[in-house]
């Protein structure tokens, strides 16, 4: 059991760090499946799973963020702005989580993942202006190239609040919505978006997990075994991400979110 929990933490954090999703998109559906199929995971209620996921994401986010900051990939100003909405949203979502049943939880989670994956197939604007002009202008150099983009303050705060609420509700870390939003709405390059997302996930998870701890959702006797794998997986994922092209990161996100969404919808209606 200990080895299995370590491997789940490792795999979830690795995939989550590569895509900037935080790992919850792997851990939550996997634990939902195991809880439904095996007596050893009878403790894995939706509330317990989300609580565990958010605690583990603190360590995934920490290791990933340290690596991404070291290599200059995190836009800290954008990250701090989006934290302004995601932290209160995460606390609210964590509180609302206690009212979800297993089937409804899986079904809703699945539809959210499918909807997000479809965002990547929307036509891209070729101009340098973003969909929401005005607000904070940013310029960042990465791998010898200089990127310029804008992020609307009002839109950024509103979006991050909604993302934070879904993060606390579903235990997905918010990155599965933040990364597409940063890429598609604000034209932030994929590598900067994924790195900044992990920065946000680290701090937001501190607050969201605190709410779940207060509500008694975290099963500590199992949670501690996920953490070492999650910390290692976060570092490995950040390393792999640095070797991928931006377009490859986007395709990785598309495929991952569609597969997870289909699996959860099937589980929810089964």
Protein backbone atom coordinates (compact mmCIF):
# COMPACT_ATOMS: atom_id res chain seq x y z
CA UNK A 1 0.00 0.00 0.00
CA UNK A 2 2.80 2.42 0.92
CA UNK A 3 4.60 1.85 -2.40
CA UNK A 4 1.36 2.28 -4.35
CA UNK A 5 0.57 5.58 -2.65
CA UNK A 6 4.12 6.79 -3.32
CA UNK A 7 3.77 5.89 -7.03
CA UNK A 8 0.38 7.59 -7.30
CA UNK A 9 1.90 10.74 -5.80
CA UNK A 10 4.88 10.52 -8.16
CA UNK A 11 2.81 9.98 -11.33
CA UNK A 12 0.21 12.62 -10.45
CA UNK A 13 2.81 15.26 -9.64
CA UNK A 14 4.94 14.46 -12.68
CA UNK A 15 2.06 14.80 -15.16
CA UNK A 16 0.65 17.79 -13.31
CA UNK A 17 3.96 19.62 -13.26
CA UNK A 18 4.62 19.04 -16.98
CA UNK A 19 1.23 20.50 -17.86
CA UNK A 20 1.00 23.07 -15.05
CA UNK A 21 -2.13 21.40 -13.66
CA UNK A 22 -0.90 20.53 -10.19
CA UNK A 23 -1.50 16.78 -10.24
CA UNK A 24 -5.07 16.72 -8.97
CA UNK A 25 -6.41 15.90 -12.44
CA UNK A 26 -4.62 12.55 -12.14
CA UNK A 27 -4.88 11.86 -8.42
CA UNK A 28 -8.58 12.67 -7.96
CA UNK A 29 -10.01 10.40 -10.70
CA UNK A 30 -7.52 7.64 -9.89
CA UNK A 31 -8.48 7.61 -6.19
CA UNK A 32 -12.17 7.79 -7.10
CA UNK A 33 -11.70 4.65 -9.21
CA UNK A 34 -9.67 2.83 -6.53
CA UNK A 35 -12.19 3.79 -3.85
CA UNK A 36 -14.99 2.35 -5.96
CA UNK A 37 -13.19 -0.92 -6.76
CA UNK A 38 -11.03 -1.90 -3.76
CA UNK A 39 -11.80 -2.30 -0.06
CA UNK A 40 -8.34 -1.00 0.89
CA UNK A 41 -9.41 2.40 -0.48
CA UNK A 42 -12.78 2.50 1.29
CA UNK A 43 -11.61 5.68 3.03
CA UNK A 44 -11.53 7.50 -0.33
CA UNK A 45 -14.76 9.53 -0.27
CA UNK A 46 -14.94 12.58 -2.58
CA UNK A 47 -14.28 14.86 0.38
CA UNK A 48 -11.29 12.82 1.61
CA UNK A 49 -9.85 12.60 -1.92
CA UNK A 50 -10.02 16.35 -2.49
CA UNK A 51 -8.54 17.02 0.95
CA UNK A 52 -5.64 14.65 0.28
CA UNK A 53 -5.12 16.03 -3.22
CA UNK A 54 -4.88 19.64 -2.06
CA UNK A 55 -2.45 18.82 0.76
CA UNK A 56 -0.26 16.83 -1.62
CA UNK A 57 -0.37 19.65 -4.17
CA UNK A 58 1.39 21.92 -1.68
CA UNK A 59 4.48 19.75 -2.11
CA UNK A 60 4.02 19.29 -5.86
CA UNK A 61 3.69 23.04 -6.24
CA UNK A 62 6.68 23.75 -3.99
CA UNK A 63 9.12 21.50 -5.86
CA UNK A 64 7.87 22.59 -9.29
CA UNK A 65 7.90 26.28 -8.39
CA UNK A 66 11.45 26.16 -7.03
CA UNK A 67 12.62 24.60 -10.30
CA UNK A 68 10.65 26.97 -12.55
CA UNK A 69 11.74 30.09 -10.60
CA UNK A 70 15.36 28.97 -10.81
CA UNK A 71 15.10 28.91 -14.61
CA UNK A 72 13.22 32.22 -14.87
CA UNK A 73 9.93 30.83 -16.18
CA UNK A 74 7.51 32.19 -13.57
CA UNK A 75 5.79 35.55 -14.11
CA UNK A 76 5.47 36.50 -10.46
CA UNK A 77 3.39 39.66 -11.00
CA UNK A 78 0.76 37.74 -12.96
CA UNK A 79 0.90 34.97 -10.37
CA UNK A 80 0.33 37.36 -7.46
CA UNK A 81 -2.57 39.05 -9.30
CA UNK A 82 -4.32 35.74 -9.95
CA UNK A 83 -3.73 34.62 -6.36
CA UNK A 84 -5.89 37.58 -5.32
CA UNK A 85 -8.93 35.78 -6.75
CA UNK A 86 -7.96 32.13 -6.45
CA UNK A 87 -7.33 32.13 -2.68
CA UNK A 88 -10.82 33.30 -1.59
CA UNK A 89 -12.38 31.21 -4.37
CA UNK A 90 -10.49 28.14 -3.16
CA UNK A 91 -11.69 28.60 0.40
CA UNK A 92 -15.31 28.87 -0.79
CA UNK A 93 -14.98 25.82 -3.06
CA UNK A 94 -13.44 23.77 -0.27
CA UNK A 95 -16.43 24.56 1.93
CA UNK A 96 -18.94 23.66 -0.83
CA UNK A 97 -17.20 20.33 -1.48
CA UNK A 98 -18.82 18.68 1.55
CA UNK A 99 -22.22 18.73 -0.18
CA UNK A 100 -21.17 16.59 -3.19
CA UNK A 101 -22.01 12.90 -3.65
CA UNK A 102 -19.68 10.51 -5.52
CA UNK A 103 -21.59 10.11 -8.81
CA UNK A 104 -22.46 13.77 -9.16
CA UNK A 105 -18.89 14.68 -8.27
CA UNK A 106 -17.41 12.46 -11.01
CA UNK A 107 -19.91 13.55 -13.66
CA UNK A 108 -19.45 17.26 -12.99
CA UNK A 109 -15.66 16.91 -12.88
CA UNK A 110 -15.71 15.06 -16.22
CA UNK A 111 -17.76 17.69 -18.02
CA UNK A 112 -15.48 20.43 -16.66
CA UNK A 113 -12.42 18.65 -18.08
CA UNK A 114 -14.02 18.13 -21.51
CA UNK A 115 -15.11 21.78 -21.67
CA UNK A 116 -11.63 23.00 -20.80
CA UNK A 117 -9.94 20.75 -23.35
CA UNK A 118 -12.19 22.13 -26.10
CA UNK A 119 -10.93 25.64 -25.38
CA UNK A 120 -7.63 24.72 -27.03
CA UNK A 121 -9.39 24.08 -30.35
CA UNK A 122 -10.77 27.63 -30.56
CA UNK A 123 -9.24 29.81 -33.32
CA UNK A 124 -6.28 31.88 -32.15
CA UNK A 125 -5.99 35.63 -32.62
CA UNK A 126 -2.96 36.56 -34.72
CA UNK A 127 -2.68 40.15 -33.52
CA UNK A 128 -0.60 41.14 -30.54
CA UNK A 129 -3.70 42.37 -28.68
CA UNK A 130 -5.44 40.07 -26.26
CA UNK A 131 -9.16 39.41 -26.10
CA UNK A 132 -9.35 41.60 -23.00
CA UNK A 133 -7.22 44.67 -23.73
CA UNK A 134 -5.94 47.06 -21.12
CA UNK A 135 -4.76 46.29 -17.64
CA UNK A 136 -1.29 45.06 -16.75
CA UNK A 137 1.26 44.95 -19.58
CA UNK A 138 4.01 42.37 -19.23
CA UNK A 139 7.29 41.71 -21.03
CA UNK A 140 9.31 38.59 -20.27
CA UNK A 141 12.40 37.04 -21.83
CA UNK A 142 12.57 33.26 -22.12
CA UNK A 143 15.11 31.13 -24.01
CA UNK A 144 16.49 34.16 -25.83
CA UNK A 145 13.09 35.46 -27.00
CA UNK A 146 11.13 38.39 -25.59
CA UNK A 147 7.37 37.94 -25.15
CA UNK A 148 4.86 40.74 -24.56
CA UNK A 149 1.28 40.26 -23.36
CA UNK A 150 -1.46 41.96 -21.35
CA UNK A 151 -3.72 40.74 -18.58
CA UNK A 152 -6.95 42.54 -17.67
CA UNK A 153 -7.02 43.15 -13.91
CA UNK A 154 -10.79 42.74 -13.53
CA UNK A 155 -10.97 39.73 -15.84
CA UNK A 156 -7.94 38.16 -14.18
CA UNK A 157 -9.40 38.48 -10.68
CA UNK A 158 -12.87 37.30 -11.75
CA UNK A 159 -11.47 34.33 -13.65
CA UNK A 160 -9.08 33.31 -10.88
CA UNK A 161 -11.89 33.45 -8.29
CA UNK A 162 -13.98 31.03 -10.37
CA UNK A 163 -10.97 28.80 -10.99
CA UNK A 164 -10.07 28.86 -7.30
CA UNK A 165 -13.60 27.84 -6.36
CA UNK A 166 -13.50 24.86 -8.74
CA UNK A 167 -10.04 23.99 -7.41
CA UNK A 168 -11.25 23.80 -3.82
CA UNK A 169 -14.40 22.00 -4.91
CA UNK A 170 -12.76 19.41 -7.14
CA UNK A 171 -9.20 19.21 -5.78
CA UNK A 172 -7.72 19.83 -9.24
CA UNK A 173 -5.39 22.67 -8.31
CA UNK A 174 -6.94 25.18 -10.68
CA UNK A 175 -4.24 24.76 -13.32
CA UNK A 176 -6.53 22.84 -15.65
CA UNK A 177 -8.48 26.07 -16.08
CA UNK A 178 -5.81 28.70 -15.40
CA UNK A 179 -3.35 27.42 -17.99
CA UNK A 180 -5.84 27.46 -20.91
CA UNK A 181 -7.09 30.88 -19.78
CA UNK A 182 -3.60 32.37 -19.66
CA UNK A 183 -2.71 30.90 -23.07
CA UNK A 184 -5.97 31.56 -24.91
CA UNK A 185 -7.34 34.75 -23.31
CA UNK A 186 -4.14 36.61 -22.46
CA UNK A 187 -1.74 35.03 -25.01
CA UNK A 188 0.82 34.14 -22.37
CA UNK A 189 3.32 31.63 -23.84
CA UNK A 190 2.65 28.03 -22.81
CA UNK A 191 5.92 27.58 -20.89
CA UNK A 192 5.37 30.76 -18.87
CA UNK A 193 1.70 29.87 -18.28
CA UNK A 194 2.47 26.37 -16.94
CA UNK A 195 5.27 27.64 -14.68
CA UNK A 196 3.18 30.53 -13.35
CA UNK A 197 0.28 28.15 -12.79
CA UNK A 198 2.41 25.97 -10.51
CA UNK A 199 3.44 29.10 -8.58
CA UNK A 200 -0.25 29.94 -8.06
CA UNK A 201 -1.16 26.34 -7.20
CA UNK A 202 1.44 26.20 -4.44
CA UNK A 203 0.11 29.22 -2.56
CA UNK A 204 -3.58 28.60 -3.30
CA UNK A 205 -3.29 24.99 -2.08
CA UNK A 206 -2.02 26.22 1.29
CA UNK A 207 -5.33 28.01 1.90
CA UNK A 208 -7.67 25.48 0.23
CA UNK A 209 -6.12 22.54 2.07
CA UNK A 210 -6.39 24.48 5.33
CA UNK A 211 -10.17 24.61 4.88
CA UNK A 212 -10.33 20.84 4.25
CA UNK A 213 -8.12 20.18 7.28
CA UNK A 214 -10.47 22.31 9.41
CA UNK A 215 -13.48 20.36 8.08
CA UNK A 216 -11.75 17.04 8.90
CA UNK A 217 -11.49 15.83 5.29
CA UNK A 218 -7.78 14.95 5.30
CA UNK A 219 -6.99 11.31 6.16
CA UNK A 220 -3.46 11.83 7.46
CA UNK A 221 -2.53 8.15 7.85
CA UNK A 222 -2.65 7.84 4.04
CA UNK A 223 -1.80 11.40 2.99
CA UNK A 224 1.78 11.30 4.32
CA UNK A 225 2.68 8.48 1.92
CA UNK A 226 1.74 10.51 -1.17
CA UNK A 227 3.99 13.45 -0.27
CA UNK A 228 7.53 12.10 -1.03
CA UNK A 229 6.45 10.92 -4.49
CA UNK A 230 4.67 14.21 -5.16
CA UNK A 231 7.74 16.28 -4.29
CA UNK A 232 9.98 14.16 -6.54
CA UNK A 233 7.41 14.07 -9.34
CA UNK A 234 7.06 17.86 -9.27
CA UNK A 235 10.80 18.31 -9.85
CA UNK A 236 10.91 15.72 -12.62
CA UNK A 237 7.89 17.22 -14.39
CA UNK A 238 9.41 20.70 -14.35
CA UNK A 239 12.62 19.27 -15.84
CA UNK A 240 10.75 17.52 -18.68
CA UNK A 241 8.65 20.63 -19.36
CA UNK A 242 11.78 22.70 -20.01
CA UNK A 243 12.72 20.35 -22.87
CA UNK A 244 9.30 20.52 -24.60
CA UNK A 245 8.19 22.98 -27.28
CA UNK A 246 5.23 25.22 -26.41
CA UNK A 247 3.00 23.51 -28.97
CA UNK A 248 3.86 20.11 -27.52
CA UNK A 249 2.81 21.33 -24.07
CA UNK A 250 -0.56 22.42 -25.47
CA UNK A 251 -1.19 19.08 -27.19
CA UNK A 252 -0.24 17.29 -24.00
CA UNK A 253 -2.91 19.34 -22.20
CA UNK A 254 -5.57 18.66 -24.82
CA UNK A 255 -5.15 14.90 -24.81
CA UNK A 256 -4.79 14.63 -21.04
CA UNK A 257 -7.93 16.61 -20.24
CA UNK A 258 -10.08 14.81 -22.83
CA UNK A 259 -9.06 11.36 -21.56
CA UNK A 260 -9.68 12.29 -17.94
CA UNK A 261 -13.02 13.89 -18.78
CA UNK A 262 -14.27 10.82 -20.67
CA UNK A 263 -13.18 8.51 -17.86
CA UNK A 264 -14.96 10.53 -15.18
CA UNK A 265 -18.18 10.93 -17.16
CA UNK A 266 -18.24 7.16 -17.71
CA UNK A 267 -17.70 6.60 -14.00
CA UNK A 268 -20.39 9.14 -13.08
CA UNK A 269 -23.11 7.56 -15.23
CA UNK A 270 -22.01 3.96 -14.59
